[in-house]
Amino acid sequence: MESPNDLNKIKEATQRFQANTMFLANYLRCNLGTRARLSPLINEMGEIEGAGLRVLVDYDMEDLIGHVGMGQGPTFAIVQF
């Protein structure tokens, strides 16, 4: 488990997304395996503690890859775990 390192990667991707788009990120999209890896960081509301991002599961995504984004927009920042 690399939870502190994973949290730092998520925060960096969030900052990158917000700097490039000027929108506030509100989700991290990943597959079920990656979500299981991140489970120590996720609270009972389905959000990442300390980042304020809701975790969404997308079964078509690759392992150990996450997308930080906002709403239905096509723009996102990639996180590699």
N, C-alpha and C. Protein backbone atom coordinates (compact mmCIF):
# COMPACT_ATOMS: atom_id res chain seq x y z
N MET A 1 0.82 -1.19 0.00
CA MET A 1 0.00 0.00 0.00
C MET A 1 0.87 1.25 0.00
N GLU A 2 0.59 2.13 -0.92
CA GLU A 2 1.31 3.39 -0.98
C GLU A 2 0.32 4.54 -0.86
N SER A 3 -0.51 4.50 0.15
CA SER A 3 -1.58 5.49 0.29
C SER A 3 -1.09 6.93 0.33
N PRO A 4 -0.07 7.29 1.16
CA PRO A 4 0.37 8.69 1.17
C PRO A 4 0.89 9.14 -0.19
N ASN A 5 1.63 8.28 -0.87
CA ASN A 5 2.14 8.61 -2.20
C ASN A 5 0.99 8.73 -3.20
N ASP A 6 0.01 7.85 -3.11
CA ASP A 6 -1.15 7.91 -4.00
C ASP A 6 -1.93 9.21 -3.78
N LEU A 7 -2.08 9.61 -2.52
CA LEU A 7 -2.80 10.85 -2.23
C LEU A 7 -2.06 12.05 -2.82
N ASN A 8 -0.75 12.04 -2.73
CA ASN A 8 0.04 13.13 -3.32
C ASN A 8 -0.14 13.19 -4.84
N LYS A 9 -0.16 12.02 -5.49
CA LYS A 9 -0.37 11.97 -6.94
C LYS A 9 -1.74 12.52 -7.32
N ILE A 10 -2.75 12.18 -6.52
CA ILE A 10 -4.10 12.66 -6.78
C ILE A 10 -4.16 14.19 -6.62
N LYS A 11 -3.54 14.70 -5.59
CA LYS A 11 -3.53 16.15 -5.36
C LYS A 11 -2.79 16.88 -6.47
N GLU A 12 -1.67 16.32 -6.95
CA GLU A 12 -0.94 16.94 -8.06
C GLU A 12 -1.78 16.98 -9.34
N ALA A 13 -2.48 15.87 -9.63
CA ALA A 13 -3.34 15.83 -10.82
C ALA A 13 -4.50 16.81 -10.68
N THR A 14 -5.03 16.95 -9.48
CA THR A 14 -6.11 17.90 -9.24
C THR A 14 -5.62 19.32 -9.50
N GLN A 15 -4.45 19.65 -9.01
CA GLN A 15 -3.88 20.98 -9.24
C GLN A 15 -3.63 21.22 -10.72
N ARG A 16 -3.13 20.21 -11.41
CA ARG A 16 -2.88 20.32 -12.86
C ARG A 16 -4.17 20.57 -13.61
N PHE A 17 -5.22 19.80 -13.29
CA PHE A 17 -6.51 19.96 -13.94
C PHE A 17 -7.06 21.37 -13.71
N GLN A 18 -7.03 21.82 -12.46
CA GLN A 18 -7.59 23.13 -12.12
C GLN A 18 -6.78 24.26 -12.73
N ALA A 19 -5.47 24.11 -12.85
CA ALA A 19 -4.64 25.15 -13.46
C ALA A 19 -4.89 25.24 -14.97
N ASN A 20 -5.11 24.09 -15.60
CA ASN A 20 -5.31 24.06 -17.06
C ASN A 20 -6.71 24.47 -17.49
N THR A 21 -7.71 24.21 -16.64
CA THR A 21 -9.10 24.45 -17.06
C THR A 21 -9.78 25.59 -16.32
N MET A 22 -9.24 26.00 -15.19
CA MET A 22 -9.85 27.03 -14.32
C MET A 22 -11.16 26.54 -13.70
N PHE A 23 -11.43 25.24 -13.71
CA PHE A 23 -12.60 24.65 -13.06
C PHE A 23 -12.15 23.84 -11.87
N LEU A 24 -13.02 23.69 -10.88
CA LEU A 24 -12.71 22.87 -9.72
C LEU A 24 -13.00 21.41 -10.03
N ALA A 25 -12.03 20.54 -9.79
CA ALA A 25 -12.22 19.11 -10.01
C ALA A 25 -13.17 18.57 -8.94
N ASN A 26 -14.00 17.59 -9.34
CA ASN A 26 -14.90 17.01 -8.35
C ASN A 26 -14.98 15.48 -8.42
N TYR A 27 -14.22 14.84 -9.31
CA TYR A 27 -14.24 13.37 -9.32
C TYR A 27 -12.89 12.78 -9.71
N LEU A 28 -12.70 11.55 -9.29
CA LEU A 28 -11.60 10.71 -9.74
C LEU A 28 -12.25 9.46 -10.31
N ARG A 29 -12.05 9.21 -11.59
CA ARG A 29 -12.62 8.05 -12.25
C ARG A 29 -11.53 7.00 -12.40
N CYS A 30 -11.83 5.75 -12.03
CA CYS A 30 -10.86 4.66 -12.15
C CYS A 30 -11.62 3.33 -12.23
N ASN A 31 -10.88 2.25 -12.50
CA ASN A 31 -11.55 0.95 -12.56
C ASN A 31 -11.66 0.35 -11.15
N LEU A 32 -12.30 -0.78 -11.02
CA LEU A 32 -12.58 -1.36 -9.72
C LEU A 32 -11.30 -1.79 -9.00
N GLY A 33 -10.32 -2.32 -9.73
CA GLY A 33 -9.05 -2.72 -9.11
C GLY A 33 -8.30 -1.54 -8.53
N THR A 34 -8.28 -0.45 -9.24
CA THR A 34 -7.61 0.76 -8.75
C THR A 34 -8.37 1.33 -7.57
N ARG A 35 -9.69 1.26 -7.61
CA ARG A 35 -10.48 1.74 -6.49
C ARG A 35 -10.18 0.92 -5.24
N ALA A 36 -10.01 -0.38 -5.40
CA ALA A 36 -9.66 -1.24 -4.26
C ALA A 36 -8.31 -0.83 -3.68
N ARG A 37 -7.36 -0.48 -4.53
CA ARG A 37 -6.04 -0.03 -4.06
C ARG A 37 -6.19 1.28 -3.26
N LEU A 38 -7.09 2.15 -3.70
CA LEU A 38 -7.28 3.44 -3.06
C LEU A 38 -8.24 3.38 -1.87
N SER A 39 -8.79 2.24 -1.56
CA SER A 39 -9.82 2.14 -0.52
C SER A 39 -9.41 2.70 0.84
N PRO A 40 -8.13 2.64 1.26
CA PRO A 40 -7.79 3.27 2.54
C PRO A 40 -7.97 4.79 2.53
N LEU A 41 -7.98 5.41 1.35
CA LEU A 41 -8.11 6.85 1.23
C LEU A 41 -9.56 7.31 1.10
N ILE A 42 -10.48 6.36 0.88
CA ILE A 42 -11.88 6.70 0.57
C ILE A 42 -12.73 6.60 1.83
N ASN A 43 -13.51 7.64 2.10
CA ASN A 43 -14.38 7.63 3.29
C ASN A 43 -15.71 6.96 2.97
N GLU A 44 -16.59 6.94 3.97
CA GLU A 44 -17.89 6.27 3.81
C GLU A 44 -18.82 6.97 2.83
N MET A 45 -18.52 8.21 2.47
CA MET A 45 -19.32 8.95 1.50
C MET A 45 -18.84 8.71 0.07
N GLY A 46 -17.77 7.94 -0.11
CA GLY A 46 -17.25 7.65 -1.43
C GLY A 46 -16.31 8.73 -1.95
N GLU A 47 -15.76 9.54 -1.04
CA GLU A 47 -14.85 10.61 -1.42
C GLU A 47 -13.46 10.34 -0.89
N ILE A 48 -12.47 10.88 -1.55
CA ILE A 48 -11.10 10.75 -1.11
C ILE A 48 -10.84 11.77 -0.02
N GLU A 49 -10.46 11.30 1.17
CA GLU A 49 -10.18 12.19 2.29
C GLU A 49 -9.01 13.08 1.95
N GLY A 50 -9.16 14.36 2.18
CA GLY A 50 -8.08 15.30 1.94
C GLY A 50 -8.04 15.86 0.53
N ALA A 51 -8.83 15.30 -0.38
CA ALA A 51 -8.83 15.80 -1.75
C ALA A 51 -10.21 16.31 -2.17
N GLY A 52 -11.25 15.82 -1.51
CA GLY A 52 -12.60 16.27 -1.82
C GLY A 52 -13.13 15.78 -3.16
N LEU A 53 -12.59 14.68 -3.66
CA LEU A 53 -13.02 14.13 -4.95
C LEU A 53 -13.87 12.90 -4.72
N ARG A 54 -14.99 12.81 -5.43
CA ARG A 54 -15.82 11.62 -5.40
C ARG A 54 -15.19 10.58 -6.32
N VAL A 55 -15.19 9.33 -5.90
CA VAL A 55 -14.60 8.25 -6.69
C VAL A 55 -15.68 7.58 -7.52
N LEU A 56 -15.46 7.55 -8.83
CA LEU A 56 -16.38 6.90 -9.77
C LEU A 56 -15.69 5.69 -10.37
N VAL A 57 -16.41 4.59 -10.51
CA VAL A 57 -15.86 3.38 -11.09
C VAL A 57 -16.26 3.29 -12.55
N ASP A 58 -15.26 3.10 -13.41
CA ASP A 58 -15.46 2.94 -14.85
C ASP A 58 -14.77 1.63 -15.25
N TYR A 59 -15.55 0.61 -15.59
CA TYR A 59 -15.00 -0.71 -15.86
C TYR A 59 -14.17 -0.77 -17.13
N ASP A 60 -14.26 0.23 -18.00
CA ASP A 60 -13.52 0.23 -19.25
C ASP A 60 -12.13 0.85 -19.15
N MET A 61 -11.74 1.30 -17.97
CA MET A 61 -10.44 1.95 -17.81
C MET A 61 -9.35 0.92 -17.52
N GLU A 62 -8.10 1.32 -17.76
CA GLU A 62 -6.95 0.46 -17.49
C GLU A 62 -6.64 0.42 -16.00
N ASP A 63 -5.91 -0.61 -15.57
CA ASP A 63 -5.48 -0.70 -14.18
C ASP A 63 -4.48 0.40 -13.86
N LEU A 64 -4.56 0.87 -12.61
CA LEU A 64 -3.62 1.84 -12.05
C LEU A 64 -3.58 3.17 -12.79
N ILE A 65 -4.69 3.52 -13.44
CA ILE A 65 -4.84 4.82 -14.11
C ILE A 65 -6.11 5.47 -13.55
N GLY A 66 -6.03 6.76 -13.29
CA GLY A 66 -7.19 7.50 -12.84
C GLY A 66 -7.33 8.79 -13.63
N HIS A 67 -8.54 9.27 -13.75
CA HIS A 67 -8.82 10.54 -14.42
C HIS A 67 -9.45 11.48 -13.41
N VAL A 68 -8.84 12.63 -13.23
CA VAL A 68 -9.39 13.67 -12.36
C VAL A 68 -10.07 14.69 -13.26
N GLY A 69 -11.33 14.98 -12.99
CA GLY A 69 -12.05 15.91 -13.84
C GLY A 69 -13.25 16.52 -13.15
N MET A 70 -14.12 17.11 -13.98
CA MET A 70 -15.30 17.79 -13.46
C MET A 70 -16.49 17.51 -14.38
N GLY A 71 -17.60 17.15 -13.79
CA GLY A 71 -18.85 17.00 -14.52
C GLY A 71 -18.74 16.10 -15.74
N GLN A 72 -19.42 16.50 -16.79
CA GLN A 72 -19.45 15.72 -18.03
C GLN A 72 -18.40 16.19 -19.04
N GLY A 73 -17.54 17.09 -18.63
CA GLY A 73 -16.56 17.66 -19.55
C GLY A 73 -15.59 16.64 -20.10
N PRO A 74 -15.08 16.89 -21.30
CA PRO A 74 -14.15 15.95 -21.94
C PRO A 74 -12.70 16.09 -21.44
N THR A 75 -12.43 17.11 -20.64
CA THR A 75 -11.07 17.37 -20.18
C THR A 75 -10.84 16.73 -18.82
N PHE A 76 -9.68 16.12 -18.64
CA PHE A 76 -9.33 15.52 -17.36
C PHE A 76 -7.81 15.47 -17.25
N ALA A 77 -7.33 15.25 -16.04
CA ALA A 77 -5.91 15.05 -15.78
C ALA A 77 -5.71 13.59 -15.45
N ILE A 78 -4.65 13.00 -15.96
CA ILE A 78 -4.38 11.57 -15.74
C ILE A 78 -3.48 11.38 -14.53
N VAL A 79 -3.84 10.40 -13.70
CA VAL A 79 -3.04 10.01 -12.55
C VAL A 79 -2.58 8.58 -12.81
N GLN A 80 -1.30 8.32 -12.67
CA GLN A 80 -0.79 6.96 -12.82
C GLN A 80 -0.28 6.49 -11.47
N PHE A 81 -0.87 5.41 -10.95
CA PHE A 81 -0.52 4.89 -9.63
C PHE A 81 0.53 3.81 -9.72
